[in-house]
């Protein structure tokens, strides 16, 4: 082999070794980069999933808060409307009572209440009060029931109140008390969505 052939051979072998070594370096570098890339990709996916979970939880929380606020607003509005309706109903009841108090049935009601109170008291001393606005009915009721009546200092919207002081008993057949009891216990029921 000539010197030139030897140089060509050495060059060829050196180039082959350099190519092999370069390919090996590139291959290992490529594997290292792919591993870094896969690790980075996994970490990015994990962070994305964590962020999605956090955002989902936050969105759910905001939705629940908005729903709770809307329900509270709705209940307030419903309560306000129910109170307005209740007040209207009881305004109408007051008007009906005022009309009833002008009828002969009301006079009979007063006389019956007085007689029932007398029966209940027996022989015990009792004071029977009628409403100040019923003052013109006093003598007719006294004549019919045979008992002395007292005009109350307090307006109780009609009816009768009787007091047996010896037993500390109040017999209250006043419309004011009956209306207040009904008002306190009154609840609108029925209709869609009403509780």
Protein backbone atom coordinates (compact mmCIF):
# COMPACT_ATOMS: atom_id res chain seq x y z
CA UNK A 1 0.00 0.00 0.00
CA UNK A 2 1.20 3.33 -0.88
CA UNK A 3 1.35 6.26 1.39
CA UNK A 4 -1.56 7.86 -0.33
CA UNK A 5 -3.60 4.69 0.01
CA UNK A 6 -2.62 4.49 3.67
CA UNK A 7 -3.64 8.13 4.20
CA UNK A 8 -6.89 7.52 2.33
CA UNK A 9 -7.51 4.39 4.41
CA UNK A 10 -6.73 6.22 7.68
CA UNK A 11 -8.90 9.10 6.55
CA UNK A 12 -11.72 6.70 5.66
CA UNK A 13 -11.44 4.82 9.01
CA UNK A 14 -11.13 8.09 10.95
CA UNK A 15 -14.12 9.55 9.16
CA UNK A 16 -16.08 6.36 9.80
CA UNK A 17 -15.16 6.43 13.51
CA UNK A 18 -15.95 10.15 13.71
CA UNK A 19 -19.31 9.56 11.99
CA UNK A 20 -20.06 6.65 14.33
CA UNK A 21 -19.02 8.66 17.38
CA UNK A 22 -20.95 11.73 16.14
CA UNK A 23 -24.03 9.61 15.44
CA UNK A 24 -23.71 8.08 18.92
CA UNK A 25 -23.39 11.54 20.53
CA UNK A 26 -26.35 12.85 18.49
CA UNK A 27 -28.39 9.76 19.34
CA UNK A 28 -27.71 10.03 23.08
CA UNK A 29 -28.35 13.79 22.98
CA UNK A 30 -31.59 13.15 21.08
CA UNK A 31 -32.65 10.54 23.69
CA UNK A 32 -31.82 12.98 26.50
CA UNK A 33 -33.83 15.73 24.80
CA UNK A 34 -36.77 13.38 24.20
CA UNK A 35 -36.68 12.36 27.89
CA UNK A 36 -36.61 16.04 28.94
CA UNK A 37 -39.44 16.72 26.49
CA UNK A 38 -41.56 13.80 27.85
CA UNK A 39 -40.91 14.91 31.44
CA UNK A 40 -41.83 18.48 30.53
CA UNK A 41 -44.95 17.26 28.70
CA UNK A 42 -46.05 15.15 31.73
CA UNK A 43 -45.44 18.08 34.09
CA UNK A 44 -47.34 20.45 31.80
CA UNK A 45 -50.27 17.99 31.59
CA UNK A 46 -50.24 17.56 35.37
CA UNK A 47 -50.24 21.34 35.88
CA UNK A 48 -53.03 21.72 33.31
CA UNK A 49 -55.14 19.06 35.06
CA UNK A 50 -54.48 20.67 38.44
CA UNK A 51 -55.46 24.07 37.05
CA UNK A 52 -58.60 22.62 35.41
CA UNK A 53 -59.60 21.03 38.74
CA UNK A 54 -58.97 24.30 40.58
CA UNK A 55 -60.89 26.33 38.00
CA UNK A 56 -63.74 23.79 38.01
CA UNK A 57 -63.92 23.95 41.81
CA UNK A 58 -63.82 27.74 41.69
CA UNK A 59 -66.52 27.87 39.00
CA UNK A 60 -68.69 25.45 41.01
CA UNK A 61 -68.20 27.57 44.13
CA UNK A 62 -69.11 30.76 42.27
CA UNK A 63 -72.16 29.05 40.75
CA UNK A 64 -73.27 27.81 44.20
CA UNK A 65 -72.78 31.28 45.67
CA UNK A 66 -74.77 32.84 42.84
CA UNK A 67 -77.53 30.24 43.26
CA UNK A 68 -77.63 30.77 47.02
CA UNK A 69 -77.85 34.54 46.54
CA UNK A 70 -80.56 34.14 43.90
CA UNK A 71 -82.52 31.79 46.18
CA UNK A 72 -82.18 34.22 49.08
CA UNK A 73 -83.32 37.11 46.88
CA UNK A 74 -86.23 35.00 45.65
CA UNK A 75 -87.23 34.04 49.20
CA UNK A 76 -87.05 37.70 50.27
CA UNK A 77 -89.22 38.72 47.33
CA UNK A 78 -91.64 35.86 48.00
CA UNK A 79 -91.81 36.79 51.67
CA UNK A 80 -92.44 40.44 50.76
CA UNK A 81 -95.22 39.49 48.33
CA UNK A 82 -96.75 37.09 50.87
CA UNK A 83 -96.68 39.82 53.53
CA UNK A 84 -98.35 42.26 51.13
CA UNK A 85 -101.02 39.68 50.29
CA UNK A 86 -101.52 38.87 53.97
CA UNK A 87 -101.93 42.56 54.78
CA UNK A 88 -104.43 42.98 51.92
CA UNK A 89 -106.42 39.98 53.12
CA UNK A 90 -106.56 41.34 56.66
CA UNK A 91 -107.49 44.80 55.39
CA UNK A 92 -110.43 43.14 53.66
CA UNK A 93 -111.26 41.26 56.88
CA UNK A 94 -111.30 44.57 58.77
CA UNK A 95 -113.74 45.94 56.18
CA UNK A 96 -115.93 42.83 56.48
CA UNK A 97 -115.91 43.16 60.28
CA UNK A 98 -116.91 46.83 59.98
CA UNK A 99 -119.82 45.80 57.73
CA UNK A 100 -120.77 42.90 60.05
CA UNK A 101 -120.85 45.22 63.06
CA UNK A 102 -123.72 47.12 61.42
CA UNK A 103 -125.94 44.02 61.17
CA UNK A 104 -128.50 42.56 63.61
CA UNK A 105 -126.38 39.37 63.67
CA UNK A 106 -123.61 41.35 65.38
CA UNK A 107 -126.07 42.51 68.06
CA UNK A 108 -127.08 38.86 68.62
CA UNK A 109 -123.39 37.89 68.75
CA UNK A 110 -122.77 40.47 71.51
CA UNK A 111 -125.79 39.29 73.49
CA UNK A 112 -124.71 35.63 73.14
CA UNK A 113 -121.15 36.44 74.28
CA UNK A 114 -122.52 38.28 77.34
CA UNK A 115 -124.87 35.39 78.22
CA UNK A 116 -122.08 32.81 77.80
CA UNK A 117 -119.80 34.85 80.08
CA UNK A 118 -122.57 35.05 82.70
CA UNK A 119 -123.08 31.28 82.50
CA UNK A 120 -119.36 30.70 82.89
CA UNK A 121 -119.02 33.07 85.87
CA UNK A 122 -121.99 31.61 87.72
CA UNK A 123 -122.51 33.70 90.84
CA UNK A 124 -119.08 35.30 90.81
CA UNK A 125 -118.76 39.02 90.28
CA UNK A 126 -117.70 39.95 86.77
CA UNK A 127 -117.11 43.11 84.71
CA UNK A 128 -118.22 42.94 81.08
CA UNK A 129 -116.71 45.42 78.65
CA UNK A 130 -118.02 46.41 75.25
CA UNK A 131 -116.14 48.35 72.59
CA UNK A 132 -116.35 52.17 72.81
CA UNK A 133 -117.76 52.27 69.27
CA UNK A 134 -120.67 50.04 70.46
CA UNK A 135 -121.75 52.57 73.10
CA UNK A 136 -125.13 53.15 71.39
CA UNK A 137 -125.91 49.41 71.82
CA UNK A 138 -125.25 49.46 75.59
CA UNK A 139 -128.80 50.05 76.90
CA UNK A 140 -130.41 47.55 74.48
CA UNK A 141 -127.85 44.89 75.45
CA UNK A 142 -128.28 45.63 79.18
CA UNK A 143 -132.04 45.29 78.77
CA UNK A 144 -131.70 42.00 76.86
CA UNK A 145 -129.08 40.40 79.14
CA UNK A 146 -130.04 41.92 82.49
CA UNK A 147 -126.47 42.90 83.33
CA UNK A 148 -124.72 46.25 83.71
CA UNK A 149 -122.11 46.73 80.94
CA UNK A 150 -118.96 48.86 81.01
CA UNK A 151 -117.63 50.83 78.05
CA UNK A 152 -113.99 49.90 77.57
CA UNK A 153 -111.34 52.61 77.48
CA UNK A 154 -109.56 50.55 74.82
CA UNK A 155 -110.86 50.06 71.30
CA UNK A 156 -110.88 46.33 70.58
CA UNK A 157 -112.65 46.48 67.18
CA UNK A 158 -115.89 45.04 68.54
CA UNK A 159 -116.91 42.04 70.55
CA UNK A 160 -116.93 41.61 74.30
CA UNK A 161 -114.34 41.22 77.05
CA UNK A 162 -115.29 39.90 80.47
CA UNK A 163 -113.15 39.89 83.60
CA UNK A 164 -113.68 37.71 86.68
CA UNK A 165 -111.26 39.36 89.07
CA UNK A 166 -111.65 36.87 91.91
CA UNK A 167 -110.32 34.05 89.67
CA UNK A 168 -108.09 36.30 87.58
CA UNK A 169 -109.84 35.25 84.36
CA UNK A 170 -110.26 37.21 81.15
CA UNK A 171 -112.88 35.96 78.71
CA UNK A 172 -111.86 37.65 75.48
CA UNK A 173 -114.36 37.62 72.63
CA UNK A 174 -112.92 40.77 71.09
CA UNK A 175 -112.33 40.97 67.36
CA UNK A 176 -108.95 42.65 67.94
CA UNK A 177 -107.56 39.63 69.82
CA UNK A 178 -109.11 37.13 67.41
CA UNK A 179 -107.71 39.03 64.43
CA UNK A 180 -104.26 39.32 66.00
CA UNK A 181 -104.20 35.58 66.72
CA UNK A 182 -105.26 34.78 63.16
CA UNK A 183 -102.76 37.27 61.73
CA UNK A 184 -99.90 35.78 63.75
CA UNK A 185 -100.77 32.22 62.66
CA UNK A 186 -101.80 33.00 59.09
CA UNK A 187 -99.66 31.46 56.34
CA UNK A 188 -100.41 31.57 52.64
CA UNK A 189 -100.55 28.04 51.33
CA UNK A 190 -101.09 26.41 47.99
CA UNK A 191 -100.26 27.72 44.60
CA UNK A 192 -97.23 26.69 42.66
CA UNK A 193 -93.97 27.17 44.50
CA UNK A 194 -95.52 28.43 47.73
CA UNK A 195 -94.65 26.59 50.92
